[in-house]
Protein backbone atom coordinates (compact mmCIF):
# COMPACT_ATOMS: atom_id res chain seq x y z
CA MET A 1 -18.94 61.47 -0.35
CA HIS A 2 -18.76 62.38 3.21
CA ARG A 3 -20.55 59.52 5.49
CA LYS A 4 -21.68 61.12 8.70
CA ARG A 5 -21.27 58.41 10.47
CA PRO A 6 -18.91 55.68 11.04
CA LEU A 7 -19.30 52.33 8.86
CA ASP A 8 -18.95 50.55 12.42
CA ASP A 9 -22.50 52.91 13.27
CA LEU A 10 -24.60 50.46 10.55
CA PHE A 11 -23.88 46.95 11.02
CA SER A 12 -26.76 45.43 13.58
CA GLU A 13 -26.39 44.33 16.78
CA ARG A 14 -26.63 40.29 15.71
CA SER A 15 -23.38 40.60 13.77
CA ARG A 16 -21.18 42.28 15.97
CA LYS A 17 -21.71 38.69 17.70
CA PHE A 18 -19.54 37.25 15.41
CA GLU A 19 -15.81 36.95 15.17
CA LEU A 20 -13.34 34.43 13.34
CA SER A 21 -12.93 31.23 15.15
CA GLY A 22 -10.50 29.85 17.41
CA ILE A 23 -9.99 27.49 15.21
CA ARG A 24 -8.84 29.62 11.89
CA LYS A 25 -6.97 32.01 13.79
CA MET A 26 -4.48 30.01 14.75
CA PHE A 27 -4.32 28.27 11.32
CA ASP A 28 -3.75 32.06 9.74
CA LEU A 29 -0.57 31.80 12.18
CA VAL A 30 0.65 29.23 9.63
CA ARG A 31 4.00 30.41 8.08
CA PRO A 32 6.18 28.09 5.36
CA GLY A 33 8.23 25.16 7.57
CA ALA A 34 5.08 24.95 10.49
CA ILE A 35 3.58 21.88 11.61
CA ASP A 36 -0.21 22.64 11.00
CA MET A 37 -2.46 20.78 13.69
CA THR A 38 -6.03 22.91 13.99
CA LEU A 39 -8.06 22.10 11.69
CA GLY A 40 -10.29 18.12 11.71
CA GLU A 41 -9.20 17.58 8.12
CA PRO A 42 -8.53 14.61 6.59
CA ASP A 43 -4.98 14.45 4.27
CA PHE A 44 -6.59 11.77 2.11
CA ASN A 45 -8.28 12.83 -1.39
CA PRO A 46 -11.75 10.79 -1.54
CA PRO A 47 -11.67 7.42 -3.00
CA LYS A 48 -10.93 7.22 -6.28
CA ASN A 49 -14.79 5.70 -7.16
CA VAL A 50 -16.48 9.21 -5.78
CA ARG A 51 -13.57 11.60 -7.67
CA ARG A 52 -14.84 9.95 -10.87
CA ALA A 53 -18.78 9.86 -9.90
CA LEU A 54 -17.07 13.65 -9.58
CA ARG A 55 -15.88 13.87 -13.35
CA HIS A 56 -19.04 12.00 -14.98
CA ALA A 57 -21.50 14.42 -12.64
CA VAL A 58 -19.49 17.71 -14.81
CA GLU A 59 -19.59 15.07 -18.22
CA GLU A 60 -23.32 14.48 -18.48
CA GLY A 61 -24.60 18.02 -16.94
CA HIS A 62 -25.48 17.78 -13.57
CA ASN A 63 -24.21 21.15 -13.49
CA LYS A 64 -28.02 22.93 -12.82
CA TYR A 65 -30.25 24.19 -9.97
CA GLY A 66 -32.04 21.15 -8.10
CA PRO A 67 -34.42 20.66 -5.90
CA THR A 68 -34.24 22.61 -2.35
CA ALA A 69 -33.57 19.57 0.04
CA GLY A 70 -31.60 17.32 -2.63
CA ILE A 71 -31.55 15.42 -5.02
CA PRO A 72 -34.41 11.90 -4.48
CA GLN A 73 -31.02 9.66 -5.52
CA LEU A 74 -28.55 10.75 -2.24
CA ARG A 75 -32.26 11.22 0.34
CA GLN A 76 -32.95 8.12 -0.57
CA ALA A 77 -29.26 6.36 -0.33
CA LEU A 78 -28.89 8.20 2.91
CA ALA A 79 -32.11 6.68 4.45
CA GLU A 80 -31.04 3.58 3.80
CA ARG A 81 -27.78 4.34 5.13
CA LEU A 82 -28.94 5.30 8.66
CA ARG A 83 -31.85 2.41 8.60
CA ARG A 84 -28.48 0.79 10.96
CA TRP A 85 -29.24 3.52 13.79
CA ASP A 86 -33.86 3.82 12.42
CA LYS A 87 -34.88 0.93 10.53
CA ASN A 88 -38.03 3.82 9.49
CA VAL A 89 -35.88 5.98 8.38
CA ALA A 90 -37.80 7.43 5.15
CA PRO A 91 -35.90 9.81 2.49
CA GLU A 92 -38.82 12.60 3.77
CA GLN A 93 -36.77 12.44 6.74
CA VAL A 94 -32.96 13.89 4.90
CA LEU A 95 -31.87 17.22 4.02
CA ILE A 96 -28.42 18.14 1.78
CA THR A 97 -27.01 21.34 3.14
CA ILE A 98 -23.78 23.47 2.56
CA GLY A 99 -21.51 21.11 5.58
CA ALA A 100 -23.33 20.31 8.59
CA SER A 101 -22.88 23.84 9.71
CA GLU A 102 -25.46 25.43 8.10
CA ALA A 103 -27.75 22.40 9.40
CA LEU A 104 -26.67 23.60 12.81
CA PHE A 105 -27.65 26.92 11.86
CA LEU A 106 -30.67 25.84 10.02
CA ALA A 107 -31.49 23.82 13.78
CA ALA A 108 -30.59 26.56 15.83
CA ALA A 109 -32.60 28.96 14.11
CA THR A 110 -35.46 27.05 13.99
CA PHE A 111 -36.02 26.29 17.32
CA TYR A 112 -34.37 29.11 19.10
CA ASP A 113 -36.28 31.86 19.94
CA ILE A 114 -35.40 34.72 22.27
CA ASP A 115 -35.20 34.27 25.47
CA ASP A 116 -34.70 30.03 25.05
CA GLU A 117 -31.98 28.08 26.64
CA VAL A 118 -29.78 25.83 25.23
CA LEU A 119 -27.44 23.83 27.17
CA ILE A 120 -24.18 23.25 25.17
CA PRO A 121 -21.61 20.84 25.49
CA ASP A 122 -18.29 22.81 27.78
CA PRO A 123 -15.68 22.05 25.90
CA GLY A 124 -17.37 21.82 22.57
CA PHE A 125 -17.49 23.12 18.72
CA VAL A 126 -16.86 26.69 18.26
CA VAL A 127 -19.84 26.60 16.65
CA TYR A 128 -22.64 26.25 19.42
CA ALA A 129 -22.83 29.27 21.33
CA PRO A 130 -22.53 31.42 18.17
CA HIS A 131 -25.18 30.14 17.03
CA VAL A 132 -27.35 30.31 20.01
CA ARG A 133 -26.35 34.39 20.51
CA TYR A 134 -27.04 34.21 16.92
CA CYS A 135 -31.23 33.50 17.95
CA ARG A 136 -31.21 36.44 20.67
CA ALA A 137 -31.61 32.92 23.84
CA HIS A 138 -29.34 32.12 25.88
CA ALA A 139 -26.01 29.52 26.09
CA LYS A 140 -25.64 27.60 29.44
CA PRO A 141 -23.08 24.74 29.24
CA TYR A 142 -22.39 21.54 31.01
CA ASP A 143 -19.75 19.94 31.71
CA LEU A 144 -17.29 17.66 29.92
CA LEU A 145 -14.73 16.63 32.00
CA GLN A 146 -10.74 14.38 31.75
CA GLU A 147 -11.86 12.81 34.70
CA ARG A 148 -14.90 11.38 33.64
CA GLY A 149 -14.08 10.90 29.82
CA PHE A 150 -15.23 13.62 28.94
CA ARG A 151 -19.07 12.15 29.18
CA PRO A 152 -21.73 14.98 31.30
CA ASP A 153 -22.61 13.81 34.57
CA HIS A 154 -26.55 13.35 34.55
CA GLU A 155 -27.51 14.83 37.42
CA GLN A 156 -25.83 18.22 35.89
CA LEU A 157 -27.39 18.12 33.10
CA LYS A 158 -31.10 17.53 35.00
CA SER A 159 -29.76 20.75 37.25
CA LEU A 160 -29.51 23.32 34.78
CA VAL A 161 -33.23 22.20 33.15
CA THR A 162 -35.40 25.48 33.17
CA PRO A 163 -38.50 26.28 32.55
CA LYS A 164 -36.47 27.97 29.97
CA THR A 165 -34.77 25.88 28.05
CA LYS A 166 -35.60 24.66 24.70
CA ALA A 167 -32.56 22.56 23.21
CA ILE A 168 -29.74 20.58 24.74
CA VAL A 169 -27.03 19.96 21.87
CA VAL A 170 -24.30 16.33 21.95
CA ASN A 171 -21.84 16.21 19.58
CA SER A 172 -20.45 12.20 19.42
CA PRO A 173 -18.01 11.14 18.83
CA ALA A 174 -16.76 14.98 20.24
CA ASN A 175 -14.76 17.97 18.69
CA PRO A 176 -12.28 19.56 20.79
CA THR A 177 -11.82 15.53 23.19
CA GLY A 178 -12.09 13.17 21.21
CA GLY A 179 -15.30 11.35 23.76
CA VAL A 180 -17.67 9.22 23.20
CA LEU A 181 -21.39 8.79 24.29
CA ALA A 182 -22.12 5.01 25.65
CA LYS A 183 -25.83 3.83 25.34
CA GLU A 184 -26.64 4.96 28.32
CA ASP A 185 -25.67 8.74 27.65
CA VAL A 186 -27.77 8.62 25.32
CA MET A 187 -30.55 7.19 26.79
CA ALA A 188 -30.19 8.81 29.98
CA ILE A 189 -30.18 12.36 27.82
CA ASN A 190 -33.60 11.36 25.55
CA ASP A 191 -35.32 9.79 28.68
CA LEU A 192 -34.55 13.95 30.06
CA ALA A 193 -35.69 15.69 26.62
CA VAL A 194 -38.19 13.92 26.56
CA ASP A 195 -38.94 14.17 30.58
CA HIS A 196 -38.76 18.27 29.68
CA ASP A 197 -40.04 18.13 26.27
CA LEU A 198 -36.73 19.08 25.25
CA VAL A 199 -35.26 19.22 21.61
CA ILE A 200 -32.29 17.23 20.90
CA ILE A 201 -29.29 18.76 18.62
CA SER A 202 -27.04 16.04 18.08
CA ASP A 203 -24.06 15.94 15.80
CA GLU A 204 -22.71 13.49 14.51
CA VAL A 205 -20.98 13.94 11.73
CA TYR A 206 -17.15 11.69 13.63
CA ASP A 207 -19.64 8.17 13.53
CA GLU A 208 -17.68 6.24 11.42
CA VAL A 209 -14.42 7.26 13.32
CA VAL A 210 -14.25 5.24 16.64
CA TYR A 211 -12.05 3.65 17.72
CA GLU A 212 -13.56 2.03 21.44
CA GLY A 213 -16.81 0.81 21.81
CA GLU A 214 -19.18 1.73 19.30
CA HIS A 215 -21.47 5.00 17.68
CA HIS A 216 -24.82 5.35 19.42
CA SER A 217 -26.87 7.49 17.54
CA PHE A 218 -29.50 9.72 18.81
CA LEU A 219 -32.28 8.15 15.89
CA GLY A 220 -34.91 6.68 16.27
CA ARG A 221 -35.22 7.90 19.93
CA GLU A 222 -38.97 8.83 20.95
CA ALA A 223 -37.27 12.27 22.21
CA THR A 224 -37.62 15.29 19.25
CA THR A 225 -34.79 15.13 17.86
CA VAL A 226 -31.80 16.51 15.08
CA VAL A 227 -29.25 14.76 14.00
CA VAL A 228 -26.05 16.73 11.70
CA ASN A 229 -24.26 14.75 9.39
CA SER A 230 -21.49 15.11 7.04
CA PHE A 231 -20.01 13.61 3.89
CA SER A 232 -16.71 15.88 4.67
CA LYS A 233 -14.95 13.19 8.39
CA THR A 234 -15.99 9.73 6.33
CA TYR A 235 -14.91 10.27 2.82
CA ALA A 236 -12.77 13.07 2.90
CA THR A 237 -14.63 15.80 0.85
CA THR A 238 -13.96 18.74 3.48
CA GLY A 239 -14.33 21.43 0.61
CA TRP A 240 -17.25 20.31 -0.74
CA ARG A 241 -19.28 21.46 2.37
CA LEU A 242 -21.88 19.06 1.68
CA GLY A 243 -24.14 17.54 5.21
CA TYR A 244 -27.58 16.36 5.12
CA LEU A 245 -30.17 16.70 8.64
CA VAL A 246 -32.62 14.38 9.34
CA ALA A 247 -35.50 14.93 11.85
CA ASP A 248 -39.12 14.30 11.86
CA PRO A 249 -41.02 16.08 8.16
CA VAL A 250 -42.52 17.60 9.79
CA ILE A 251 -39.41 19.75 10.94
CA ILE A 252 -37.69 19.53 7.72
CA ASP A 253 -40.59 21.22 6.08
CA ARG A 254 -40.54 23.74 8.68
CA ILE A 255 -36.79 24.06 7.92
CA VAL A 256 -36.71 23.83 4.35
CA GLY A 257 -38.47 27.06 3.18
CA LEU A 258 -35.27 28.98 5.48
CA HIS A 259 -32.70 26.34 3.34
CA HIS A 260 -34.28 28.07 -0.32
CA SER A 261 -34.18 31.29 1.75
CA ILE A 262 -29.66 30.87 2.42
CA VAL A 263 -28.74 28.55 -0.11
CA ALA A 264 -31.73 28.44 -2.75
CA CYS A 265 -30.44 24.26 -2.95
CA PRO A 266 -27.32 22.53 -2.41
CA PRO A 267 -24.91 21.82 -4.96
CA SER A 268 -25.74 19.26 -7.49
CA LEU A 269 -22.49 18.11 -8.87
CA THR A 270 -21.02 16.87 -5.21
CA GLN A 271 -24.03 15.61 -4.25
CA HIS A 272 -24.04 12.75 -7.75
CA ALA A 273 -21.17 11.80 -6.31
CA ALA A 274 -21.67 11.49 -2.94
CA VAL A 275 -24.57 9.16 -4.26
CA GLU A 276 -20.98 6.99 -5.52
CA ALA A 277 -19.53 7.49 -2.26
CA LEU A 278 -22.45 5.51 0.06
CA THR A 279 -22.89 3.22 -2.07
CA GLY A 280 -20.04 1.89 -3.85
CA GLU A 281 -16.76 0.51 -2.23
CA GLN A 282 -15.78 0.67 1.42
CA ASP A 283 -12.30 0.02 2.22
CA SER A 284 -11.22 3.36 1.57
CA VAL A 285 -13.90 4.24 4.48
CA ARG A 286 -12.42 1.41 6.98
CA ARG A 287 -8.43 2.15 6.00
CA MET A 288 -8.41 5.80 6.74
CA HIS A 289 -10.02 5.46 9.76
CA GLU A 290 -7.08 2.47 10.71
CA VAL A 291 -4.57 5.07 9.39
CA PHE A 292 -6.77 7.52 11.79
CA ARG A 293 -6.36 5.00 14.63
CA LYS A 294 -2.91 4.41 14.03
CA ARG A 295 -1.78 8.09 13.92
CA ARG A 296 -3.49 8.46 17.61
CA ASP A 297 -1.31 5.28 19.20
CA LEU A 298 1.33 7.44 17.28
CA ILE A 299 0.99 10.99 18.97
CA LEU A 300 -0.09 9.52 22.31
CA GLU A 301 3.67 8.55 22.95
CA PRO A 302 5.54 10.66 22.92
CA LEU A 303 2.54 13.58 24.61
CA ASN A 304 2.82 11.64 27.63
CA ALA A 305 6.52 11.04 27.65
CA MET A 306 6.66 14.89 28.72
CA PRO A 307 6.76 16.07 31.17
CA GLY A 308 3.46 18.34 32.95
CA VAL A 309 1.45 17.11 30.16
CA ARG A 310 -1.09 14.24 30.28
CA CYS A 311 -3.44 13.02 27.45
CA PRO A 312 -5.95 9.64 27.42
CA ALA A 313 -6.08 7.52 24.65
CA PRO A 314 -9.73 9.78 22.54
CA ALA A 315 -12.35 7.13 22.02
CA GLY A 316 -13.23 8.44 18.80
CA ALA A 317 -12.94 11.89 15.81
CA PHE A 318 -9.08 12.61 15.62
CA TYR A 319 -8.23 14.87 18.00
CA ALA A 320 -5.69 14.75 21.70
CA PHE A 321 -6.54 17.16 23.80
CA PRO A 322 -3.60 16.65 26.53
CA GLN A 323 -3.62 18.37 30.18
CA PHE A 324 -0.88 20.55 30.90
CA GLY A 325 1.07 21.60 34.99
CA PHE A 326 1.94 24.75 33.99
CA ASP A 327 0.31 28.36 35.32
CA LEU A 328 0.00 29.36 31.61
CA THR A 329 -3.27 29.96 29.98
CA SER A 330 -3.76 28.31 26.65
CA GLN A 331 -2.89 30.28 24.06
CA GLN A 332 -0.05 31.39 26.57
CA PHE A 333 1.69 27.74 25.43
CA ALA A 334 0.19 27.45 22.14
CA MET A 335 2.20 30.89 21.38
CA GLU A 336 5.05 29.95 22.84
CA MET A 337 4.80 26.81 20.54
CA VAL A 338 3.97 29.14 17.70
CA LYS A 339 7.85 30.41 18.24
CA ASP A 340 8.71 26.78 18.00
CA GLY A 341 6.73 26.32 14.67
CA VAL A 342 3.99 23.81 15.64
CA ILE A 343 0.56 25.41 15.59
CA ALA A 344 -2.26 23.91 17.63
CA VAL A 345 -6.11 25.05 19.35
CA PRO A 346 -5.36 26.47 22.81
CA GLY A 347 -8.55 24.45 24.28
CA ALA A 348 -10.39 27.22 25.73
CA PHE A 349 -11.14 28.39 22.35
CA PHE A 350 -13.46 25.22 23.03
CA GLY A 351 -15.21 26.62 27.00
CA ARG A 352 -14.55 27.21 30.06
CA ASN A 353 -13.77 23.92 30.71
CA GLY A 354 -10.91 23.43 28.13
CA GLU A 355 -8.73 26.29 29.59
CA HIS A 356 -5.23 24.76 30.47
CA HIS A 357 -5.66 21.86 27.62
CA LEU A 358 -4.48 22.12 23.94
CA ARG A 359 -5.99 20.99 20.58
CA PHE A 360 -4.08 18.49 17.54
CA SER A 361 -4.84 17.66 15.01
CA TYR A 362 -3.58 14.20 13.86
CA ALA A 363 -5.70 13.90 10.70
CA THR A 364 -2.02 14.61 9.17
CA SER A 365 0.77 12.85 8.00
CA ARG A 366 2.74 10.40 10.66
CA GLU A 367 6.13 12.20 9.65
CA ARG A 368 4.65 15.61 10.64
CA ILE A 369 2.77 14.07 13.60
CA LEU A 370 6.13 12.80 14.66
CA THR A 371 7.98 16.51 13.99
CA GLY A 372 5.34 18.54 15.50
CA MET A 373 6.00 16.76 19.20
CA GLU A 374 9.82 16.47 18.82
CA ARG A 375 9.28 20.91 18.51
CA MET A 376 6.73 20.72 21.49
CA ALA A 377 9.09 18.24 23.77
CA GLY A 378 11.53 21.29 23.01
CA THR A 379 8.63 23.75 23.57
CA VAL A 380 8.36 21.44 27.24
CA GLU A 381 11.90 21.57 27.82
CA ARG A 382 12.19 25.60 27.28
CA LEU A 383 9.01 26.48 29.92
CA GLN A 384 10.32 24.34 32.30
CA LYS A 385 13.95 26.09 32.55
CA THR A 386 10.68 29.55 33.55
CA VAL A 387 7.71 28.96 34.22
CA PRO A 388 5.97 26.83 37.28
CA MET A 389 3.64 24.20 38.17
CA ARG A 390 -0.31 25.19 38.98
CA LYS A 391 -0.98 24.20 42.69
CA ASP A 392 -3.28 21.81 41.66
CA TRP A 393 -1.61 20.16 39.28
CA THR A 394 -0.82 16.41 40.27
CA HIS A 395 1.05 13.95 37.14
C-alpha cells in the first residue's frame, strides 16, 4: 500500500521528546572482552531465601492478576520497614510499581502540568528531565558540584523558585555522583517546599548503600512528598522490575488510576518473593554492602593515581564520578576508553555539570574493576602525549 506521507510524520510531538538514554547507548558498545562499567546493576544473585520464595510462589499458584496497588502483604511489610523513618506510615500509603522508573513517571504525570517548573539535580539521573518534558513542563537544574560534596547550594535553590515552580526532585544517595544529603540538607529542602507549597519527589533507591554518615529520608516531613524506592539495588533484583512509592493516601488514590491504565497491576510472583526479602534474614544485604565498600576503596586508589584525574570518595550508591583535566568532552574521553576495551558513561549525559566527568559503576567484580582501571591508565598515558590539559585544571 502506498503511504501518502512519511511514517515519521505520524509520530506524536510527545514521542519526539524521548530517545534511548546515554547509559544504554554506552552499554550497547560493549563487545566480547570489554570491561563493562556502565549499568548500576549488582553482580549478585538475590538472596537464597528470596529466590526460594519466588519458586514457591510459582508452585503455590500466585500466577494471576493481583490488586492494582499491590498485594496487601507486601504493602504491610513495606509500611513496617518504613516506620524507621516515619512511625506513622500505613499500608494505604504504599503503591507497588514496575520498578522505581514507573514510580518516578507516575509522580511526574500526577503533579507536573503544562508550563510548570520543576527543579532537578544537575548532574542527575537520566529520567528526571524526560519526565518533565513529557508533561510539557520546564526543567530547571540546580547545581551539584564536586567541591560541595555534590550537595545542593540552598541559596541557589531558593533563587530558582518562582510562582511557576511546582516540584523539586531530590536523589540521595545519588546517581551518578554518590553524593549523600546531610540532615540539614533534608531539613532545608523540606522547609523550602513548605514555604513555597512545592512537592518533593525523593528518589531513595540507594538508601541501603551509604558508606559515610547515614541516610536521611524525606518520609515523615511536613512537605507534600512522594518517596520512590525499589528492590533492585538492595536485593539485587534489577530484572524483576519491582519498586514502590510512598505518599499521602489522597495522593495514592489519585495516582492509582494512572498506574492501572499503564500496567493493570504489578507482577504477583515477584511481590510474594519481595515479602520474604523484607521479612527474612538481612545478612545478605549487609554482606553485599560491605563488598561495595571494598570495591569503592579499590577503584579510588588507581583513579586518583592517574595524571589528570581526581575522584573524591562517594558517600553512597556504587558509582565513582571522577573529574578529568584533559581538554576533551566527557563523550570524547569515554570513546577513547572504548578503544582500550573499557566502557564507562560520559558525565555530560547526566547534565551540564557532568561535563569533564565519567561515571563508573563498581557493582562488578574486583577482577573487572582492576582490569578496567589498568586499561583506563593506558588510555590516560596515551592521551598525555597528544591532548593538553584544560587551562582551568588544577590538581
